[in-house]
N, C-alpha and C. Protein backbone atom coordinates (compact mmCIF):
# COMPACT_ATOMS: atom_id res chain seq x y z
N ASP A 1 11.09 -5.40 12.38
CA ASP A 1 12.07 -4.77 11.97
C ASP A 1 12.05 -3.45 12.33
N ALA A 2 13.23 -3.06 12.38
CA ALA A 2 13.44 -1.44 12.86
C ALA A 2 14.41 -0.86 11.82
N SER A 3 13.99 0.76 11.97
CA SER A 3 14.95 1.78 11.02
C SER A 3 14.60 2.98 11.22
N GLN A 4 15.77 3.82 11.73
CA GLN A 4 16.02 5.09 11.99
C GLN A 4 15.11 5.41 13.24
N GLY A 5 15.21 4.18 14.17
CA GLY A 5 14.31 4.81 15.31
C GLY A 5 12.81 4.51 15.53
N TYR A 6 12.43 3.50 14.46
CA TYR A 6 11.01 3.40 14.40
C TYR A 6 11.12 1.54 14.01
N ALA A 7 10.33 0.97 14.78
CA ALA A 7 10.06 -0.43 14.81
C ALA A 7 8.74 -0.65 13.90
N CYS A 8 8.78 -1.58 13.02
CA CYS A 8 7.41 -1.98 12.34
C CYS A 8 7.16 -3.59 13.00
N VAL A 9 5.88 -3.65 13.52
CA VAL A 9 5.46 -5.11 13.58
C VAL A 9 4.53 -5.62 12.91
N ALA A 10 4.72 -6.87 12.48
CA ALA A 10 3.70 -7.46 11.89
C ALA A 10 2.70 -8.41 12.82
N GLU A 11 1.45 -7.89 13.03
CA GLU A 11 0.94 -8.27 14.25
C GLU A 11 -0.17 -9.33 13.68
N TYR A 12 -0.09 -9.92 12.64
CA TYR A 12 -1.07 -10.94 11.88
C TYR A 12 -2.33 -10.04 11.53
N ASN A 13 -3.47 -10.68 12.39
CA ASN A 13 -4.89 -9.81 12.26
C ASN A 13 -4.92 -8.49 12.47
N GLY A 14 -3.81 -8.07 13.33
CA GLY A 14 -3.60 -6.53 13.69
C GLY A 14 -3.29 -5.93 12.73
N GLY A 15 -2.39 -6.47 11.55
CA GLY A 15 -1.92 -5.46 10.43
C GLY A 15 -0.76 -4.96 10.92
N LEU A 16 0.10 -3.91 10.23
CA LEU A 16 0.93 -3.42 10.61
C LEU A 16 0.81 -2.60 11.96
N GLN A 17 1.79 -2.48 12.47
CA GLN A 17 2.17 -1.50 13.75
C GLN A 17 3.07 -0.68 13.40
N VAL A 18 3.21 0.48 13.83
CA VAL A 18 4.55 1.27 14.24
C VAL A 18 4.72 1.90 15.39
N VAL A 19 5.98 1.69 16.03
CA VAL A 19 6.32 2.20 17.21
C VAL A 19 7.67 2.92 17.07
N ASP A 20 7.68 4.02 18.03
CA ASP A 20 8.81 4.91 18.25
C ASP A 20 9.86 4.13 19.21
N VAL A 21 10.91 3.96 18.81
CA VAL A 21 11.88 3.11 19.81
C VAL A 21 13.12 3.87 19.85
N THR A 22 12.93 5.11 19.70
CA THR A 22 14.35 6.14 20.02
C THR A 22 14.93 6.09 21.25
N ILE A 23 13.82 6.07 22.24
CA ILE A 23 14.20 5.77 23.56
C ILE A 23 13.70 4.20 23.88
N PRO A 24 14.61 2.95 23.77
CA PRO A 24 14.35 1.83 23.97
C PRO A 24 13.37 1.39 25.36
N THR A 25 13.52 2.40 26.37
CA THR A 25 13.13 1.81 27.60
C THR A 25 11.74 2.55 27.59
N ALA A 26 11.38 3.30 26.79
CA ALA A 26 9.98 3.78 26.47
C ALA A 26 9.54 3.81 25.38
N PRO A 27 9.06 2.68 24.39
CA PRO A 27 8.65 2.91 23.42
C PRO A 27 7.30 3.58 23.34
N VAL A 28 6.86 4.03 22.15
CA VAL A 28 5.80 4.87 22.11
C VAL A 28 4.86 4.37 20.60
N PHE A 29 4.01 3.94 20.71
CA PHE A 29 3.05 3.73 19.86
C PHE A 29 2.53 4.92 18.73
N ILE A 30 3.04 4.60 17.21
CA ILE A 30 2.64 5.79 16.53
C ILE A 30 1.34 5.76 15.40
N GLY A 31 1.37 4.50 15.29
CA GLY A 31 0.05 4.63 14.18
C GLY A 31 -0.17 3.02 13.85
N SER A 32 -1.13 2.74 12.95
CA SER A 32 -1.29 1.33 12.35
C SER A 32 -1.99 1.13 10.87
N GLN A 33 -1.93 0.12 10.29
CA GLN A 33 -2.59 0.29 9.03
C GLN A 33 -2.96 -1.16 8.77
N ALA A 34 -4.45 -1.26 8.81
CA ALA A 34 -4.93 -2.70 8.16
C ALA A 34 -4.55 -3.04 6.95
N THR A 35 -3.79 -4.55 7.07
CA THR A 35 -3.36 -5.43 6.02
C THR A 35 -4.52 -6.25 5.15
N ALA A 36 -4.56 -6.34 4.05
CA ALA A 36 -5.69 -7.18 3.08
C ALA A 36 -5.91 -8.35 3.69
N SER A 37 -4.42 -8.60 4.22
CA SER A 37 -4.83 -10.41 4.87
C SER A 37 -4.00 -10.36 6.03
N ASN A 38 -3.55 -11.46 7.04
CA ASN A 38 -2.74 -11.46 7.98
C ASN A 38 -1.50 -11.16 7.58
N ALA A 39 -0.80 -10.39 8.52
CA ALA A 39 0.77 -9.60 8.52
C ALA A 39 1.44 -10.60 8.83
N ARG A 40 2.02 -11.47 8.45
CA ARG A 40 2.97 -12.53 8.80
C ARG A 40 4.49 -11.92 9.23
N ASP A 41 4.76 -11.09 8.54
CA ASP A 41 6.59 -10.72 8.64
C ASP A 41 6.46 -9.15 8.19
N VAL A 42 7.66 -8.41 8.48
CA VAL A 42 7.95 -7.34 7.59
C VAL A 42 9.14 -7.08 8.00
N THR A 43 9.58 -6.55 7.05
CA THR A 43 11.09 -5.73 7.16
C THR A 43 11.06 -4.31 6.15
N MET A 44 12.25 -3.44 6.78
CA MET A 44 12.20 -2.15 6.37
C MET A 44 13.43 -1.78 5.25
N SER A 45 13.33 -0.70 4.78
CA SER A 45 14.41 -0.07 4.06
C SER A 45 14.12 1.63 4.19
N GLY A 46 14.95 2.28 5.22
CA GLY A 46 14.82 3.42 5.44
C GLY A 46 13.15 3.53 6.14
N LEU A 47 12.29 4.32 5.68
CA LEU A 47 11.17 4.56 6.17
C LEU A 47 10.01 3.85 5.23
N THR A 48 10.33 2.98 4.73
CA THR A 48 9.53 2.14 3.83
C THR A 48 9.33 0.61 4.41
N ALA A 49 8.21 0.08 4.58
CA ALA A 49 7.94 -1.11 5.36
C ALA A 49 7.37 -2.02 4.31
N TYR A 50 7.99 -3.19 4.37
CA TYR A 50 7.47 -4.50 3.14
C TYR A 50 7.07 -5.32 4.11
N VAL A 51 5.86 -5.99 3.60
CA VAL A 51 4.99 -6.68 4.87
C VAL A 51 4.52 -8.08 3.82
N ALA A 52 4.98 -9.25 4.66
CA ALA A 52 4.22 -10.46 4.17
C ALA A 52 3.02 -10.77 4.73
N ALA A 53 2.11 -10.15 3.59
CA ALA A 53 0.82 -10.28 4.11
C ALA A 53 0.00 -11.37 3.82
N GLY A 54 0.15 -12.80 3.98
CA GLY A 54 -0.38 -13.79 3.72
C GLY A 54 -0.93 -13.93 2.59
N THR A 55 -2.42 -14.33 2.39
CA THR A 55 -2.91 -14.56 1.06
C THR A 55 -2.81 -13.44 0.39
N ALA A 56 -2.61 -12.31 0.83
CA ALA A 56 -2.53 -10.75 0.07
C ALA A 56 -1.06 -10.36 -0.74
N GLY A 57 -0.24 -11.30 -0.23
CA GLY A 57 1.10 -11.36 -0.96
C GLY A 57 1.92 -10.20 -0.39
N LEU A 58 2.56 -9.54 -0.97
CA LEU A 58 3.42 -8.39 -0.53
C LEU A 58 2.65 -7.07 -0.51
N GLU A 59 2.81 -6.28 0.62
CA GLU A 59 2.09 -4.96 0.65
C GLU A 59 3.16 -3.66 1.11
N ILE A 60 2.90 -2.63 0.36
CA ILE A 60 4.34 -1.70 0.94
C ILE A 60 3.78 -0.50 1.42
N TYR A 61 4.40 0.01 2.29
CA TYR A 61 3.83 1.14 3.04
C TYR A 61 4.87 2.23 3.41
N ALA A 62 4.62 3.54 3.44
CA ALA A 62 5.44 4.63 3.82
C ALA A 62 5.13 4.66 5.36
N VAL A 63 6.21 4.60 6.21
CA VAL A 63 6.10 5.03 7.49
C VAL A 63 6.45 6.55 7.96
N TYR A 64 5.36 7.01 8.60
CA TYR A 64 5.60 8.50 9.10
C TYR A 64 5.79 8.53 10.50
N ILE A 65 5.94 10.06 10.89
CA ILE A 65 6.52 9.93 12.62
C ILE A 65 5.32 10.29 13.30
N HIS A 66 4.31 10.76 12.85
CA HIS A 66 3.00 11.39 13.38
C HIS A 66 2.05 10.77 12.97
N LYS A 67 1.92 9.79 11.92
CA LYS A 67 0.36 9.24 11.69
C LYS A 67 0.28 7.92 11.49
N ASP A 68 -0.68 7.44 10.91
CA ASP A 68 -0.36 6.16 10.53
C ASP A 68 0.25 5.88 9.09
N PRO A 69 0.72 4.36 8.86
CA PRO A 69 1.45 4.33 7.70
C PRO A 69 0.43 4.39 6.41
N GLU A 70 1.30 4.83 5.18
CA GLU A 70 0.40 5.14 3.93
C GLU A 70 0.73 3.94 2.95
N PHE A 71 -0.21 3.27 2.51
CA PHE A 71 -0.27 2.41 1.58
C PHE A 71 0.64 2.92 0.48
N LEU A 72 1.35 2.12 -0.50
CA LEU A 72 2.52 2.56 -1.37
C LEU A 72 2.18 1.72 -2.55
N GLY A 73 1.74 0.20 -2.38
CA GLY A 73 1.70 -0.51 -3.30
C GLY A 73 1.74 -1.99 -3.08
N SER A 74 0.94 -2.87 -4.04
CA SER A 74 1.05 -4.37 -3.56
C SER A 74 1.49 -5.18 -4.53
N LEU A 75 1.22 -6.51 -4.20
CA LEU A 75 1.52 -7.44 -5.46
C LEU A 75 1.00 -8.82 -4.73
N ASP A 76 0.13 -9.28 -5.35
CA ASP A 76 -0.60 -10.37 -5.00
C ASP A 76 0.30 -11.66 -5.59
N THR A 77 0.87 -12.27 -4.69
CA THR A 77 1.64 -13.44 -5.36
C THR A 77 1.03 -14.90 -5.60
N ILE A 78 -0.37 -14.79 -5.48
CA ILE A 78 -1.22 -16.06 -5.39
C ILE A 78 -1.06 -16.98 -4.29
N GLY A 79 0.25 -17.09 -3.73
CA GLY A 79 0.16 -18.07 -2.59
C GLY A 79 0.22 -17.63 -1.30
N VAL A 80 0.65 -17.96 -0.22
CA VAL A 80 0.47 -17.45 1.22
C VAL A 80 1.66 -16.89 1.48
N THR A 81 2.08 -15.65 1.54
CA THR A 81 3.26 -15.07 1.80
C THR A 81 3.71 -15.14 3.27
N TYR A 82 4.59 -15.92 3.93
CA TYR A 82 4.87 -15.87 5.12
C TYR A 82 5.91 -15.20 5.48
N GLY A 83 7.04 -14.94 4.69
CA GLY A 83 8.31 -14.26 4.93
C GLY A 83 8.89 -13.59 4.05
N ILE A 84 9.74 -12.33 4.32
CA ILE A 84 10.19 -11.78 3.59
C ILE A 84 11.65 -11.12 4.06
N VAL A 85 12.74 -10.90 2.77
CA VAL A 85 13.94 -10.37 3.02
C VAL A 85 14.08 -9.39 1.81
N LEU A 86 14.72 -8.60 2.28
CA LEU A 86 15.42 -7.63 1.14
C LEU A 86 16.92 -7.40 0.51
N LYS A 87 17.18 -7.56 -0.57
CA LYS A 87 18.73 -7.21 -0.97
C LYS A 87 18.52 -6.26 -2.38
N ASP A 88 19.13 -4.95 -2.40
CA ASP A 88 19.43 -4.17 -3.60
C ASP A 88 18.07 -3.63 -3.83
N ASP A 89 17.54 -4.20 -5.15
CA ASP A 89 16.23 -3.42 -5.72
C ASP A 89 15.23 -4.45 -5.63
N ARG A 90 15.48 -5.55 -4.73
CA ARG A 90 14.67 -6.92 -4.73
C ARG A 90 14.01 -7.17 -3.52
N ALA A 91 13.02 -8.09 -3.53
CA ALA A 91 12.56 -8.75 -2.25
C ALA A 91 12.17 -10.11 -2.75
N TYR A 92 12.48 -10.98 -1.62
CA TYR A 92 12.52 -12.29 -1.65
C TYR A 92 11.58 -12.64 -0.84
N LEU A 93 10.34 -13.49 -1.22
CA LEU A 93 9.03 -13.81 -0.48
C LEU A 93 9.28 -15.29 -0.11
N ALA A 94 8.91 -15.61 0.78
CA ALA A 94 8.40 -17.02 1.35
C ALA A 94 7.05 -17.20 0.94
N ASP A 95 6.85 -17.89 0.05
CA ASP A 95 5.48 -18.01 -0.38
C ASP A 95 4.85 -19.55 -0.09
N TYR A 96 5.25 -19.79 0.63
CA TYR A 96 4.49 -21.30 1.49
C TYR A 96 4.73 -22.30 -0.10
N VAL A 97 3.75 -22.86 -0.49
CA VAL A 97 4.00 -24.12 -1.33
C VAL A 97 4.23 -23.33 -2.62
N LEU A 98 4.26 -22.12 -2.89
CA LEU A 98 4.66 -21.69 -4.37
C LEU A 98 5.93 -21.37 -4.34
N GLY A 99 6.90 -21.59 -2.99
CA GLY A 99 8.31 -21.41 -2.91
C GLY A 99 8.68 -20.14 -2.78
N VAL A 100 9.89 -19.75 -3.41
CA VAL A 100 10.58 -18.29 -3.32
C VAL A 100 10.25 -17.47 -4.50
N GLN A 101 9.81 -16.17 -4.42
CA GLN A 101 9.15 -15.39 -5.23
C GLN A 101 10.41 -14.39 -5.43
N GLU A 102 10.83 -14.02 -6.27
CA GLU A 102 11.80 -12.68 -6.44
C GLU A 102 11.09 -11.65 -6.95
N ILE A 103 10.90 -10.23 -6.45
CA ILE A 103 9.91 -9.39 -6.61
C ILE A 103 11.00 -8.08 -6.99
N ASP A 104 10.92 -7.42 -8.11
CA ASP A 104 11.48 -6.11 -8.54
C ASP A 104 10.81 -5.12 -7.92
N LEU A 105 11.50 -4.20 -6.87
CA LEU A 105 11.07 -2.84 -6.37
C LEU A 105 11.59 -1.70 -6.79
N SER A 106 12.10 -1.91 -8.13
CA SER A 106 12.38 -0.52 -8.60
C SER A 106 10.96 0.83 -8.61
N ASN A 107 10.19 0.06 -8.66
CA ASN A 107 8.89 0.91 -8.46
C ASN A 107 8.07 0.01 -7.52
N VAL A 108 7.98 0.97 -6.25
CA VAL A 108 7.25 0.42 -5.17
C VAL A 108 5.71 0.42 -5.45
N ALA A 109 5.37 1.43 -6.30
CA ALA A 109 3.91 1.42 -6.65
C ALA A 109 3.45 0.34 -7.37
N THR A 110 4.33 -0.28 -8.22
CA THR A 110 4.04 -1.53 -8.99
C THR A 110 5.09 -2.59 -8.94
N PRO A 111 5.31 -3.16 -7.85
CA PRO A 111 6.35 -4.21 -7.66
C PRO A 111 5.98 -5.54 -8.55
N ARG A 112 7.08 -5.69 -9.49
CA ARG A 112 7.01 -6.82 -10.50
C ARG A 112 7.65 -8.10 -10.22
N LEU A 113 6.71 -9.34 -10.21
CA LEU A 113 7.44 -10.40 -10.20
C LEU A 113 8.37 -10.96 -11.17
N VAL A 114 9.62 -11.27 -11.00
CA VAL A 114 10.52 -11.42 -11.66
C VAL A 114 11.04 -12.81 -11.89
N ASN A 115 11.10 -13.89 -10.80
CA ASN A 115 11.55 -15.06 -10.72
C ASN A 115 10.62 -15.89 -9.81
N THR A 116 10.91 -17.07 -9.92
CA THR A 116 10.21 -18.08 -9.00
C THR A 116 10.72 -19.31 -8.88
N ILE A 117 10.79 -19.96 -7.87
CA ILE A 117 11.55 -21.16 -7.82
C ILE A 117 10.62 -22.25 -6.96
N ASP A 118 10.02 -23.28 -7.32
CA ASP A 118 9.57 -24.22 -6.13
C ASP A 118 10.60 -25.03 -5.46
N THR A 119 10.36 -24.91 -4.22
CA THR A 119 11.64 -25.38 -3.18
C THR A 119 11.28 -26.60 -3.00
N GLN A 120 10.01 -27.28 -3.25
CA GLN A 120 9.65 -28.71 -3.22
C GLN A 120 8.70 -28.57 -1.68
N GLY A 121 9.01 -28.11 -0.75
CA GLY A 121 8.43 -28.10 0.49
C GLY A 121 7.49 -26.63 0.39
N SER A 122 7.31 -26.16 1.92
CA SER A 122 6.32 -25.10 1.67
C SER A 122 7.44 -23.71 2.41
N SER A 123 8.01 -23.01 1.62
CA SER A 123 8.69 -22.00 2.24
C SER A 123 8.00 -21.09 3.41
N ARG A 124 8.61 -21.10 4.64
CA ARG A 124 7.91 -20.02 5.58
C ARG A 124 9.02 -19.03 6.11
N ALA A 125 10.19 -18.84 5.81
CA ALA A 125 10.99 -17.75 6.30
C ALA A 125 12.34 -17.86 5.32
N LEU A 126 12.88 -16.81 5.64
CA LEU A 126 13.87 -16.78 4.71
C LEU A 126 15.20 -16.08 5.41
N GLY A 127 16.58 -16.25 4.77
CA GLY A 127 17.64 -15.45 5.41
C GLY A 127 18.61 -15.23 4.15
N LEU A 128 19.67 -14.54 4.10
CA LEU A 128 20.37 -14.17 3.10
C LEU A 128 21.92 -14.33 3.38
N PHE A 129 22.40 -14.87 2.76
CA PHE A 129 24.29 -15.44 2.69
C PHE A 129 24.68 -15.11 1.51
N GLY A 130 25.29 -14.21 1.06
CA GLY A 130 26.08 -13.35 -0.20
C GLY A 130 24.57 -13.52 -1.32
N PRO A 131 25.16 -14.19 -2.39
CA PRO A 131 23.98 -14.18 -3.61
C PRO A 131 23.18 -15.13 -3.69
N TYR A 132 22.92 -16.06 -2.06
CA TYR A 132 22.19 -17.27 -1.99
C TYR A 132 20.96 -16.69 -0.93
N VAL A 133 19.69 -17.46 -1.37
CA VAL A 133 18.60 -17.21 -0.28
C VAL A 133 18.40 -18.46 0.54
N MET A 134 18.28 -18.41 1.64
CA MET A 134 18.26 -19.69 2.51
C MET A 134 16.85 -19.84 3.12
N VAL A 135 16.22 -20.92 2.56
CA VAL A 135 15.08 -20.99 2.88
C VAL A 135 14.37 -22.14 3.93
N ALA A 136 13.80 -21.69 5.01
CA ALA A 136 12.95 -22.52 5.93
C ALA A 136 12.06 -23.08 5.28
N ASP A 137 12.29 -24.45 4.58
CA ASP A 137 11.22 -25.22 3.55
C ASP A 137 10.35 -26.22 4.43
N TYR A 138 10.02 -26.13 5.53
CA TYR A 138 9.12 -26.98 6.26
C TYR A 138 10.01 -28.20 6.38
N ALA A 139 8.83 -29.63 5.47
CA ALA A 139 9.31 -30.57 5.52
C ALA A 139 10.46 -30.84 4.57
N SER A 140 10.96 -29.91 3.84
CA SER A 140 12.00 -30.05 2.87
C SER A 140 13.21 -29.63 3.47
N GLY A 141 12.87 -29.24 4.50
CA GLY A 141 14.47 -28.71 5.28
C GLY A 141 14.78 -27.47 4.97
N LEU A 142 16.24 -27.14 5.18
CA LEU A 142 16.69 -26.06 4.60
C LEU A 142 17.48 -25.81 3.47
N GLN A 143 16.97 -25.08 2.33
CA GLN A 143 17.31 -24.93 0.96
C GLN A 143 18.14 -23.67 0.94
N ALA A 144 19.20 -23.84 -0.05
CA ALA A 144 19.74 -22.66 -0.46
C ALA A 144 19.49 -22.74 -1.88
N VAL A 145 19.06 -21.59 -2.23
CA VAL A 145 18.48 -21.14 -3.33
C VAL A 145 19.50 -19.85 -4.20
N LYS A 146 20.08 -20.16 -5.06
CA LYS A 146 20.86 -18.88 -5.84
C LYS A 146 19.65 -18.32 -6.95
N MET A 147 18.96 -16.94 -6.51
CA MET A 147 18.38 -16.33 -7.26
C MET A 147 18.69 -15.70 -8.53
N ARG A 148 19.68 -14.64 -8.69
CA ARG A 148 19.47 -14.02 -9.36
C ARG A 148 20.93 -14.42 -10.53
N THR A 149 20.43 -15.71 -11.05
CA THR A 149 21.10 -16.19 -12.03
C THR A 149 21.12 -15.69 -13.23
N PRO A 150 22.02 -15.68 -14.63
CA PRO A 150 21.60 -15.41 -15.78
C PRO A 150 20.36 -15.79 -16.23
N THR A 151 19.85 -17.08 -16.11
CA THR A 151 18.66 -17.45 -16.62
C THR A 151 17.78 -17.82 -15.75
N SER A 152 17.60 -18.43 -14.56
CA SER A 152 16.81 -18.84 -13.69
C SER A 152 17.52 -19.20 -12.26
N PRO A 153 16.27 -18.86 -11.26
CA PRO A 153 16.94 -19.35 -10.22
C PRO A 153 17.10 -21.15 -9.88
N VAL A 154 18.18 -21.62 -9.07
CA VAL A 154 18.40 -22.93 -8.88
C VAL A 154 18.96 -23.18 -7.47
N VAL A 155 17.89 -24.40 -6.98
CA VAL A 155 18.46 -24.68 -5.79
C VAL A 155 19.76 -25.63 -5.58
N ILE A 156 20.80 -25.20 -5.11
CA ILE A 156 22.29 -25.49 -4.86
C ILE A 156 22.49 -26.23 -4.03
N ASP A 157 22.19 -26.25 -2.64
CA ASP A 157 22.10 -27.43 -1.70
C ASP A 157 20.85 -27.30 -0.79
N HIS A 158 20.88 -28.45 -0.14
CA HIS A 158 19.66 -28.35 1.00
C HIS A 158 20.34 -29.47 2.20
N GLN A 159 19.43 -29.30 3.10
CA GLN A 159 19.93 -29.93 4.50
C GLN A 159 18.65 -30.41 5.30
N LYS A 160 18.30 -31.62 5.10
CA LYS A 160 17.08 -31.98 5.53
C LYS A 160 16.93 -31.54 7.01
N GLY A 161 15.46 -31.42 7.28
CA GLY A 161 15.15 -31.14 9.11
C GLY A 161 14.02 -31.50 9.04
N ASN A 162 13.39 -31.54 10.34
CA ASN A 162 11.97 -31.86 10.86
C ASN A 162 11.26 -30.97 10.81
N ARG A 163 10.79 -30.55 9.79
CA ARG A 163 9.43 -29.33 9.85
C ARG A 163 10.30 -28.18 10.12
N VAL A 164 11.02 -27.59 9.39
CA VAL A 164 11.75 -26.56 9.43
C VAL A 164 10.90 -24.98 9.21
N LEU A 165 10.95 -24.26 10.40
CA LEU A 165 9.68 -23.16 10.42
C LEU A 165 10.32 -21.93 10.22
N ASN A 166 11.89 -21.56 10.88
CA ASN A 166 12.37 -20.50 10.39
C ASN A 166 13.95 -20.56 10.31
N THR A 167 14.39 -19.58 9.72
CA THR A 167 15.95 -19.82 9.61
C THR A 167 16.66 -17.97 9.94
N ILE A 168 17.89 -18.00 10.05
CA ILE A 168 18.64 -16.64 10.38
C ILE A 168 20.05 -17.41 9.93
N VAL A 169 20.57 -16.19 9.20
CA VAL A 169 22.15 -16.51 8.83
C VAL A 169 22.89 -15.36 9.64
N ASP A 170 23.79 -15.73 10.22
CA ASP A 170 24.80 -14.86 10.89
C ASP A 170 26.12 -15.11 10.78
N GLY A 171 26.78 -14.18 10.24
CA GLY A 171 27.98 -14.47 9.64
C GLY A 171 27.94 -15.72 8.65
N ASP A 172 29.08 -16.51 8.77
CA ASP A 172 29.06 -17.59 8.26
C ASP A 172 28.57 -18.85 8.66
N ARG A 173 27.28 -18.87 9.72
CA ARG A 173 26.84 -19.61 10.30
C ARG A 173 25.27 -19.79 9.76
N ALA A 174 24.55 -20.49 9.60
CA ALA A 174 23.03 -20.58 9.71
C ALA A 174 22.41 -21.20 10.62
N TYR A 175 21.43 -20.86 11.04
CA TYR A 175 20.57 -21.54 12.17
C TYR A 175 19.22 -22.08 11.55
N PHE A 176 18.52 -22.89 11.97
CA PHE A 176 17.18 -22.83 11.89
C PHE A 176 16.45 -23.80 12.85
N ALA A 177 15.29 -23.36 12.93
CA ALA A 177 14.22 -24.07 14.09
C ALA A 177 13.49 -24.83 13.39
N ALA A 178 13.81 -26.13 14.00
CA ALA A 178 13.03 -27.29 13.38
C ALA A 178 12.17 -27.69 14.40
N ASP A 179 10.90 -27.88 14.08
CA ASP A 179 9.49 -28.27 14.80
C ASP A 179 9.70 -29.24 15.86
N HIS A 180 9.46 -29.12 17.08
CA HIS A 180 9.59 -30.04 18.17
C HIS A 180 11.37 -30.89 18.19
N ARG A 181 12.18 -30.13 17.47
CA ARG A 181 13.52 -30.81 17.45
C ARG A 181 14.39 -29.50 17.89
N GLY A 182 14.10 -28.33 18.21
CA GLY A 182 15.29 -27.33 18.84
C GLY A 182 16.03 -26.66 17.34
N PHE A 183 17.23 -26.69 17.48
CA PHE A 183 18.08 -25.75 16.64
C PHE A 183 19.28 -26.76 16.15
N LYS A 184 19.53 -26.34 14.68
CA LYS A 184 20.69 -27.00 14.18
C LYS A 184 21.58 -25.69 13.80
N PRO A 185 22.86 -25.34 14.21
CA PRO A 185 23.52 -24.48 13.69
C PRO A 185 24.67 -25.18 12.49
N GLY A 186 24.83 -24.48 11.35
CA GLY A 186 25.82 -24.95 10.35
C GLY A 186 26.87 -24.06 9.98
N GLU A 187 27.85 -24.48 9.41
CA GLU A 187 29.22 -23.70 8.76
C GLU A 187 28.44 -23.83 7.25
N LEU A 188 28.46 -22.34 6.60
CA LEU A 188 28.13 -22.58 5.34
C LEU A 188 29.36 -22.33 4.04
N PHE A 189 29.40 -23.13 3.24
CA PHE A 189 30.48 -23.17 2.20
C PHE A 189 30.00 -23.23 0.94
N LEU A 190 28.91 -22.44 0.58
CA LEU A 190 28.25 -22.50 -0.76
C LEU A 190 29.19 -21.82 -1.49
N PRO A 191 29.35 -22.30 -2.74
CA PRO A 191 28.09 -23.27 -3.33
C PRO A 191 28.53 -24.79 -3.29
N TYR A 192 29.31 -25.14 -2.08
CA TYR A 192 29.91 -26.67 -2.31
C TYR A 192 28.99 -27.18 -1.04
N SER A 193 29.07 -26.83 0.13
CA SER A 193 27.97 -27.45 0.78
C SER A 193 27.82 -26.86 2.01
N MET A 194 26.61 -27.62 3.06
CA MET A 194 26.01 -27.32 4.17
C MET A 194 26.45 -28.23 5.09
N SER A 195 27.01 -27.96 6.31
CA SER A 195 27.19 -29.39 7.07
C SER A 195 26.58 -28.72 8.54
N PHE A 196 25.59 -29.64 9.30
CA PHE A 196 25.15 -29.12 10.33
C PHE A 196 25.06 -29.93 11.71
N ASN A 197 24.92 -29.75 12.75
CA ASN A 197 25.04 -30.42 13.86
C ASN A 197 23.90 -29.69 14.81
N PHE A 198 23.29 -30.48 15.43
CA PHE A 198 22.11 -30.13 16.55
C PHE A 198 22.97 -29.12 17.83
N LEU A 199 22.31 -27.95 18.02
CA LEU A 199 22.72 -27.20 18.95
C LEU A 199 22.20 -27.40 20.21
N PHE A 200 20.75 -27.63 20.29
CA PHE A 200 20.37 -28.71 21.56
C PHE A 200 19.07 -29.08 20.87
N GLU A 201 18.47 -30.29 21.58
CA GLU A 201 17.42 -30.81 20.98
C GLU A 201 16.57 -30.70 22.24
N ASP A 202 14.93 -30.85 21.99
CA ASP A 202 13.95 -30.95 22.60
C ASP A 202 13.98 -32.25 23.39
N HIS A 203 13.97 -31.87 24.75
CA HIS A 203 14.01 -32.94 25.64
C HIS A 203 12.78 -33.15 26.36
N PHE A 204 11.48 -32.70 25.86
CA PHE A 204 10.15 -32.97 26.09
C PHE A 204 9.31 -33.69 25.41
N GLU A 205 8.25 -33.87 25.77
CA GLU A 205 7.29 -34.77 24.94
C GLU A 205 7.07 -33.98 23.25
N ASN A 206 6.99 -34.37 22.56
CA ASN A 206 6.78 -33.92 20.99
C ASN A 206 5.64 -32.83 20.43
N ASP A 207 4.77 -32.84 21.74
CA ASP A 207 3.38 -32.07 21.33
C ASP A 207 3.50 -30.71 22.42
N VAL A 208 4.90 -30.54 23.25
CA VAL A 208 5.12 -29.48 24.08
C VAL A 208 5.90 -28.51 23.70
N TRP A 209 6.63 -28.55 23.05
CA TRP A 209 7.93 -27.79 22.50
C TRP A 209 7.95 -27.18 20.97
N ARG A 210 7.46 -26.08 20.54
CA ARG A 210 7.54 -25.79 19.31
C ARG A 210 8.25 -24.44 19.23
N ALA A 211 9.33 -24.43 18.68
CA ALA A 211 9.92 -23.24 18.38
C ALA A 211 9.39 -22.46 17.21
N GLU A 212 8.88 -21.48 17.44
CA GLU A 212 8.39 -20.61 16.31
C GLU A 212 8.98 -19.75 15.59
N ASP A 213 9.85 -19.12 16.88
CA ASP A 213 10.73 -17.90 16.17
C ASP A 213 11.92 -17.79 17.01
N PHE A 214 13.23 -16.94 16.54
CA PHE A 214 14.29 -16.70 17.37
C PHE A 214 15.18 -15.79 16.85
N ALA A 215 16.19 -15.59 17.48
CA ALA A 215 17.15 -14.35 17.14
C ALA A 215 18.42 -14.61 18.11
N VAL A 216 19.64 -14.34 17.04
CA VAL A 216 20.75 -14.68 17.56
C VAL A 216 21.37 -13.13 17.79
N GLN A 217 22.01 -13.35 19.05
CA GLN A 217 22.71 -11.83 19.54
C GLN A 217 23.82 -12.28 20.37
N GLY A 218 25.22 -12.25 19.36
CA GLY A 218 26.48 -12.64 19.95
C GLY A 218 26.47 -13.87 20.20
N PRO A 219 26.50 -14.62 21.42
CA PRO A 219 26.89 -15.73 21.80
C PRO A 219 25.29 -16.36 22.39
N HIS A 220 24.35 -15.63 22.32
CA HIS A 220 23.06 -15.65 22.75
C HIS A 220 22.03 -16.14 21.95
N LEU A 221 21.03 -17.21 22.10
CA LEU A 221 20.04 -17.44 21.38
C LEU A 221 18.62 -17.30 22.02
N PHE A 222 17.87 -16.39 21.37
CA PHE A 222 16.47 -16.19 22.08
C PHE A 222 15.33 -16.87 21.29
N VAL A 223 14.58 -17.44 21.89
CA VAL A 223 13.51 -18.40 21.24
C VAL A 223 12.32 -18.06 21.82
N VAL A 224 11.43 -18.03 20.88
CA VAL A 224 9.99 -17.90 20.76
C VAL A 224 9.44 -19.24 21.02
N ASP A 225 9.04 -19.70 21.92
CA ASP A 225 8.58 -20.86 22.10
C ASP A 225 7.15 -21.15 22.36
């Protein structure tokens, strides 16, 4: 993720890496910080980085211009944290078999678990669509979860997929990468329904093509295969 000219990279066993990208054609490495477990995902708010740190849960770091990131706080979610998104003073974590965790970030030194939901599958990545968290839930497909309800979070809708690894919400359309099956785009009309059609499918042998990550930019789809 990037903010204010700085990009943070979750480099798995390389921890959190910070790069100056104010000149996109000449990125400059600034510093790094080892995470307690494998850094699987990162997002930024200003110059604060929030890391999905695998078995260590959530880790929070201050990003500086001329030195290594500084640890601010953490929360061990018990599960294996694969993905993270931010909305207002909340972080939403894809915590694998433990589903989605909602974290209060009002004090970054002591983040606090406030809600959780079992999505039935293994949550690996998240996207945001209004009040809904879209969950790439692996064998349980794409889930739509309304987290901040007066009582408790609830699954509003779901769309079956073939081992869904990742999801991105772009406007009123969600995309998800289904292992060995390519991508599905779909119009979102929550809380009423989700309808999906394959954008394109795998035309190779099933053990050849595995879409791990992707990004949408205008009419283009970029794939990490």
